[in-house]
Amino acid sequence: MFRERAMLVIKILIPVIVIAALAGAGVYVISTYTIQNVYVEGNVHYTEEEIQDYVMSGPLGNNSLYLSLYYKDREITNVPFVDGMDVNILSPDTIRISVYEKALAGYVKYLDTYMYFDKDGYVVESSNVMTMGVPQITGLSFDHVILGERLPVESTDVFEHIMDITNLLNKYQLTVDKIYFHSTGAVTIYFEDVKVALGNDYSHLEDKVMLLPEFLPNLKGKSGTLQMENYDNSNGKYTFNPN
């Protein structure tokens, strides 16, 4: 009889102990891993506040342990321009959100929509909002645009030229409004009311672009075209033709 009662007590106590242990663990996790500090890195198109609002939503959005597990190798499909995000625990109450944005080479306007494409010309996003820091590419001829497919231009070499130019602009910390590709292959870049005609000699492209941080401040407030088609290695002199 005593043995049977002892077994019954044990059968009752085991679930109670397990439940109590789980409850204690839950309380510990919730209280210990409550987020107090957040660091965000890799974000360009979104502010730190926007990233935090997205990541830290939901009932357990302020729990660092939950977020680190939830976003581990998770594909982001409902945030434009973002491929993925990681949440790393720096300490129980501090996390770092790493944002991995899609590499954008530029955008074209099509049917009043901004169509963003990557270095190979594949359209990766469409938006009704223009994103700062991504140049508009004009002069390309196409009759349709399909998300996920390459822009149907006559020569795909243009995408390599776009990346060459945008990489150089980033290297010399230059922000342009627009890059225009002429049918002849010549390139013109726009800085507000100043146009810079670079020509179609891509072999001396960097030699020209590296001079712009020196030239552009002198052209602030002016309107016209800086003629840089012909590179002169001896003196580097170019003509500015005001409108």
Protein backbone atom coordinates (compact mmCIF):
# COMPACT_ATOMS: atom_id res chain seq x y z
CA MET A 1 0.00 0.00 0.00
CA PHE A 2 2.76 2.44 1.01
CA ARG A 3 4.65 1.69 -2.20
CA GLU A 4 1.57 2.41 -4.33
CA ARG A 5 0.96 5.72 -2.53
CA ALA A 6 4.59 6.73 -2.98
CA MET A 7 4.40 6.00 -6.70
CA LEU A 8 1.20 8.04 -6.95
CA VAL A 9 2.81 10.97 -5.17
CA ILE A 10 5.83 10.76 -7.47
CA LYS A 11 3.59 10.71 -10.56
CA ILE A 12 1.85 13.84 -9.30
CA LEU A 13 5.02 15.64 -8.23
CA ILE A 14 6.97 15.08 -11.44
CA PRO A 15 4.60 17.12 -13.68
CA VAL A 16 4.36 19.80 -10.99
CA ILE A 17 8.15 20.04 -10.75
CA VAL A 18 8.50 20.13 -14.54
CA ILE A 19 5.86 22.86 -14.84
CA ALA A 20 7.46 24.84 -12.02
CA ALA A 21 10.89 24.49 -13.63
CA LEU A 22 9.58 25.62 -17.00
CA ALA A 23 7.77 28.53 -15.42
CA GLY A 24 10.91 29.52 -13.53
CA ALA A 25 12.98 29.26 -16.69
CA GLY A 26 10.44 31.38 -18.54
CA VAL A 27 10.48 34.05 -15.86
CA TYR A 28 14.29 34.01 -15.88
CA VAL A 29 14.51 34.33 -19.66
CA ILE A 30 11.91 37.12 -19.81
CA SER A 31 13.44 39.11 -16.96
CA THR A 32 17.09 38.55 -17.86
CA TYR A 33 16.89 38.94 -21.65
CA THR A 34 14.70 42.06 -21.76
CA ILE A 35 16.27 44.46 -24.27
CA GLN A 36 17.51 47.81 -23.03
CA ASN A 37 20.06 48.74 -25.72
CA VAL A 38 19.93 48.28 -29.50
CA TYR A 39 22.62 48.90 -32.12
CA VAL A 40 21.80 48.86 -35.82
CA GLU A 41 24.35 48.49 -38.62
CA GLY A 42 24.25 48.13 -42.40
CA ASN A 43 21.07 50.19 -42.85
CA VAL A 44 21.00 52.76 -45.66
CA HIS A 45 17.44 52.92 -46.92
CA TYR A 46 15.84 52.74 -43.48
CA THR A 47 16.46 54.61 -40.25
CA GLU A 48 17.53 52.84 -37.08
CA GLU A 49 14.07 53.49 -35.64
CA GLU A 50 12.35 51.86 -38.63
CA ILE A 51 14.56 48.77 -38.36
CA GLN A 52 13.94 48.50 -34.62
CA ASP A 53 10.18 48.87 -35.07
CA TYR A 54 10.20 46.06 -37.63
CA VAL A 55 12.45 43.63 -35.75
CA MET A 56 11.10 44.25 -32.26
CA SER A 57 7.41 43.84 -33.02
CA GLY A 58 5.14 41.20 -31.50
CA PRO A 59 4.63 39.85 -27.96
CA LEU A 60 8.29 38.82 -27.49
CA GLY A 61 9.77 41.66 -29.51
CA ASN A 62 11.72 42.95 -26.52
CA ASN A 63 13.39 39.61 -25.73
CA SER A 64 16.93 39.29 -27.04
CA LEU A 65 17.08 35.49 -26.87
CA TYR A 66 13.85 35.08 -28.83
CA LEU A 67 14.87 37.57 -31.51
CA SER A 68 18.30 36.00 -31.99
CA LEU A 69 16.67 32.61 -32.62
CA TYR A 70 13.79 33.96 -34.71
CA TYR A 71 16.01 35.85 -37.16
CA LYS A 72 18.71 33.19 -37.49
CA ASP A 73 18.99 32.38 -41.23
CA ARG A 74 15.53 33.88 -41.77
CA GLU A 75 14.74 35.23 -45.23
CA ILE A 76 13.20 38.70 -45.29
CA THR A 77 10.52 38.94 -47.97
CA ASN A 78 8.30 41.84 -46.90
CA VAL A 79 10.85 44.64 -46.50
CA PRO A 80 11.88 46.27 -49.80
CA PHE A 81 15.63 46.59 -50.42
CA VAL A 82 16.51 44.16 -47.60
CA ASP A 83 17.81 40.62 -48.20
CA GLY A 84 18.18 39.59 -44.58
CA MET A 85 18.76 40.61 -40.98
CA ASP A 86 20.61 39.05 -38.07
CA VAL A 87 20.12 39.72 -34.37
CA ASN A 88 23.21 39.12 -32.25
CA ILE A 89 23.21 39.20 -28.45
CA LEU A 90 26.02 41.40 -27.12
CA SER A 91 24.81 40.96 -23.54
CA PRO A 92 21.46 39.72 -22.20
CA ASP A 93 19.93 43.23 -22.44
CA THR A 94 21.84 44.45 -25.53
CA ILE A 95 21.50 43.38 -29.17
CA ARG A 96 23.05 44.31 -32.49
CA ILE A 97 20.81 44.19 -35.58
CA SER A 98 22.80 43.63 -38.77
CA VAL A 99 20.93 44.64 -41.91
CA TYR A 100 21.91 43.15 -45.28
CA GLU A 101 20.51 45.35 -48.01
CA LYS A 102 20.23 44.47 -51.65
CA ALA A 103 23.09 45.83 -53.76
CA LEU A 104 21.50 48.44 -56.03
CA ALA A 105 23.26 49.86 -59.08
CA GLY A 106 20.55 52.35 -60.02
CA TYR A 107 16.92 52.78 -60.94
CA VAL A 108 14.80 53.61 -63.97
CA LYS A 109 11.37 55.17 -64.03
CA TYR A 110 8.70 53.06 -65.68
CA LEU A 111 4.98 53.90 -65.62
CA ASP A 112 5.53 56.38 -62.75
CA THR A 113 7.24 53.65 -60.70
CA TYR A 114 10.86 53.51 -59.58
CA MET A 115 12.36 50.20 -60.70
CA TYR A 116 15.62 49.37 -58.90
CA PHE A 117 18.14 46.99 -60.45
CA ASP A 118 21.35 45.30 -59.36
CA LYS A 119 24.83 45.23 -60.90
CA ASP A 120 23.75 42.68 -63.51
CA GLY A 121 20.66 44.63 -64.53
CA TYR A 122 18.10 42.45 -62.76
CA VAL A 123 15.15 44.38 -61.35
CA VAL A 124 15.10 43.60 -57.62
CA GLU A 125 12.53 46.08 -56.30
CA SER A 126 9.78 48.42 -57.43
CA SER A 127 8.60 51.35 -55.36
CA ASN A 128 6.54 54.52 -55.55
CA VAL A 129 9.12 56.26 -53.38
CA MET A 130 12.48 57.46 -54.66
CA THR A 131 15.39 56.24 -52.54
CA MET A 132 18.17 58.71 -51.79
CA GLY A 133 21.69 57.64 -52.69
CA VAL A 134 20.71 55.50 -55.69
CA PRO A 135 21.23 57.25 -59.06
CA GLN A 136 18.57 57.45 -61.72
CA ILE A 137 19.75 55.92 -65.00
CA THR A 138 18.34 57.50 -68.16
CA GLY A 139 18.90 57.03 -71.87
CA LEU A 140 18.29 53.26 -71.81
CA SER A 141 15.77 51.91 -74.31
CA PHE A 142 13.32 49.22 -73.20
CA ASP A 143 9.63 48.50 -73.79
CA HIS A 144 8.80 46.61 -70.58
CA VAL A 145 10.11 45.94 -67.09
CA ILE A 146 9.47 42.75 -65.11
CA LEU A 147 10.40 42.37 -61.45
CA GLY A 148 13.05 39.67 -61.06
CA GLU A 149 14.14 39.83 -64.69
CA ARG A 150 16.94 41.75 -66.40
CA LEU A 151 16.15 45.08 -67.99
CA PRO A 152 15.62 44.32 -71.71
CA VAL A 153 18.21 46.73 -73.11
CA GLU A 154 20.01 46.28 -76.39
CA SER A 155 23.47 45.76 -74.87
CA THR A 156 24.01 44.35 -71.38
CA ASP A 157 27.51 45.90 -71.34
CA VAL A 158 25.83 49.05 -70.09
CA PHE A 159 25.35 47.47 -66.65
CA GLU A 160 29.10 47.00 -66.28
CA HIS A 161 29.59 50.66 -67.19
CA ILE A 162 26.93 51.69 -64.67
CA MET A 163 28.73 49.81 -61.89
CA ASP A 164 32.09 51.28 -62.91
CA ILE A 165 30.66 54.78 -62.65
CA THR A 166 28.70 54.27 -59.43
CA ASN A 167 31.70 52.62 -57.75
CA LEU A 168 33.88 55.58 -58.68
CA LEU A 169 31.26 58.05 -57.47
CA ASN A 170 31.09 56.22 -54.15
CA LYS A 171 34.89 56.07 -53.95
CA TYR A 172 35.15 59.85 -54.27
CA GLN A 173 32.04 60.47 -52.16
CA LEU A 174 30.04 62.07 -54.94
CA THR A 175 26.24 62.01 -55.02
CA VAL A 176 24.63 62.46 -58.42
CA ASP A 177 21.05 63.10 -59.41
CA LYS A 178 21.15 61.25 -62.70
CA ILE A 179 23.41 59.34 -65.08
CA TYR A 180 22.54 59.64 -68.76
CA PHE A 181 23.76 57.15 -71.37
CA HIS A 182 23.73 58.52 -74.90
CA SER A 183 23.02 56.24 -77.85
CA THR A 184 26.67 56.79 -78.86
CA GLY A 185 27.88 55.30 -75.58
CA ALA A 186 28.86 58.67 -74.13
CA VAL A 187 27.98 59.35 -70.49
CA THR A 188 26.72 62.51 -68.82
CA ILE A 189 26.25 62.77 -65.07
CA TYR A 190 24.09 65.41 -63.38
CA PHE A 191 24.83 67.35 -60.19
CA GLU A 192 21.78 69.59 -59.72
CA ASP A 193 22.09 72.19 -62.54
CA VAL A 194 25.60 71.14 -63.55
CA LYS A 195 26.06 68.47 -66.21
CA VAL A 196 29.41 66.69 -66.55
CA ALA A 197 30.02 65.22 -70.00
CA LEU A 198 32.46 62.31 -69.58
CA GLY A 199 32.40 61.03 -73.16
CA ASN A 200 32.71 57.37 -74.07
CA ASP A 201 36.38 56.75 -73.25
CA TYR A 202 36.02 54.48 -70.22
CA SER A 203 39.77 53.86 -69.99
CA HIS A 204 40.26 57.33 -68.43
CA LEU A 205 37.02 57.39 -66.45
CA GLU A 206 38.64 57.49 -63.01
CA ASP A 207 41.12 60.14 -64.12
CA LYS A 208 38.13 62.38 -64.80
CA VAL A 209 35.92 61.49 -61.85
CA MET A 210 38.73 61.97 -59.32
CA LEU A 211 38.93 65.65 -60.36
CA LEU A 212 35.26 66.38 -59.66
CA PRO A 213 35.61 66.95 -55.88
CA GLU A 214 37.97 69.79 -56.82
CA PHE A 215 35.90 71.18 -59.70
CA LEU A 216 32.33 70.99 -58.38
CA PRO A 217 32.63 73.42 -55.43
CA ASN A 218 33.66 76.12 -57.90
CA LEU A 219 30.53 75.44 -59.94
CA LYS A 220 28.11 75.60 -57.00
CA GLY A 221 25.03 77.64 -57.94
CA LYS A 222 25.92 77.67 -61.63
CA SER A 223 24.11 76.03 -64.52
CA GLY A 224 25.86 74.53 -67.51
CA THR A 225 28.01 71.70 -68.82
CA LEU A 226 31.51 70.73 -67.79
CA GLN A 227 33.08 69.29 -70.94
CA MET A 228 35.34 66.40 -69.91
CA GLU A 229 35.03 64.21 -73.00
CA ASN A 230 38.65 64.54 -74.01
CA TYR A 231 41.16 63.65 -71.32
CA ASP A 232 44.34 65.69 -71.43
CA ASN A 233 47.00 63.99 -69.33
CA SER A 234 49.37 66.93 -69.65
CA ASN A 235 47.30 69.66 -68.00
CA GLY A 236 43.87 68.25 -67.15
CA LYS A 237 42.10 71.40 -68.32
CA TYR A 238 38.42 71.26 -69.17
CA THR A 239 35.86 73.77 -70.34
CA PHE A 240 32.68 74.80 -68.54
CA ASN A 241 29.95 76.06 -70.84
CA PRO A 242 27.25 77.96 -68.90
CA ASN A 243 23.65 77.70 -70.06
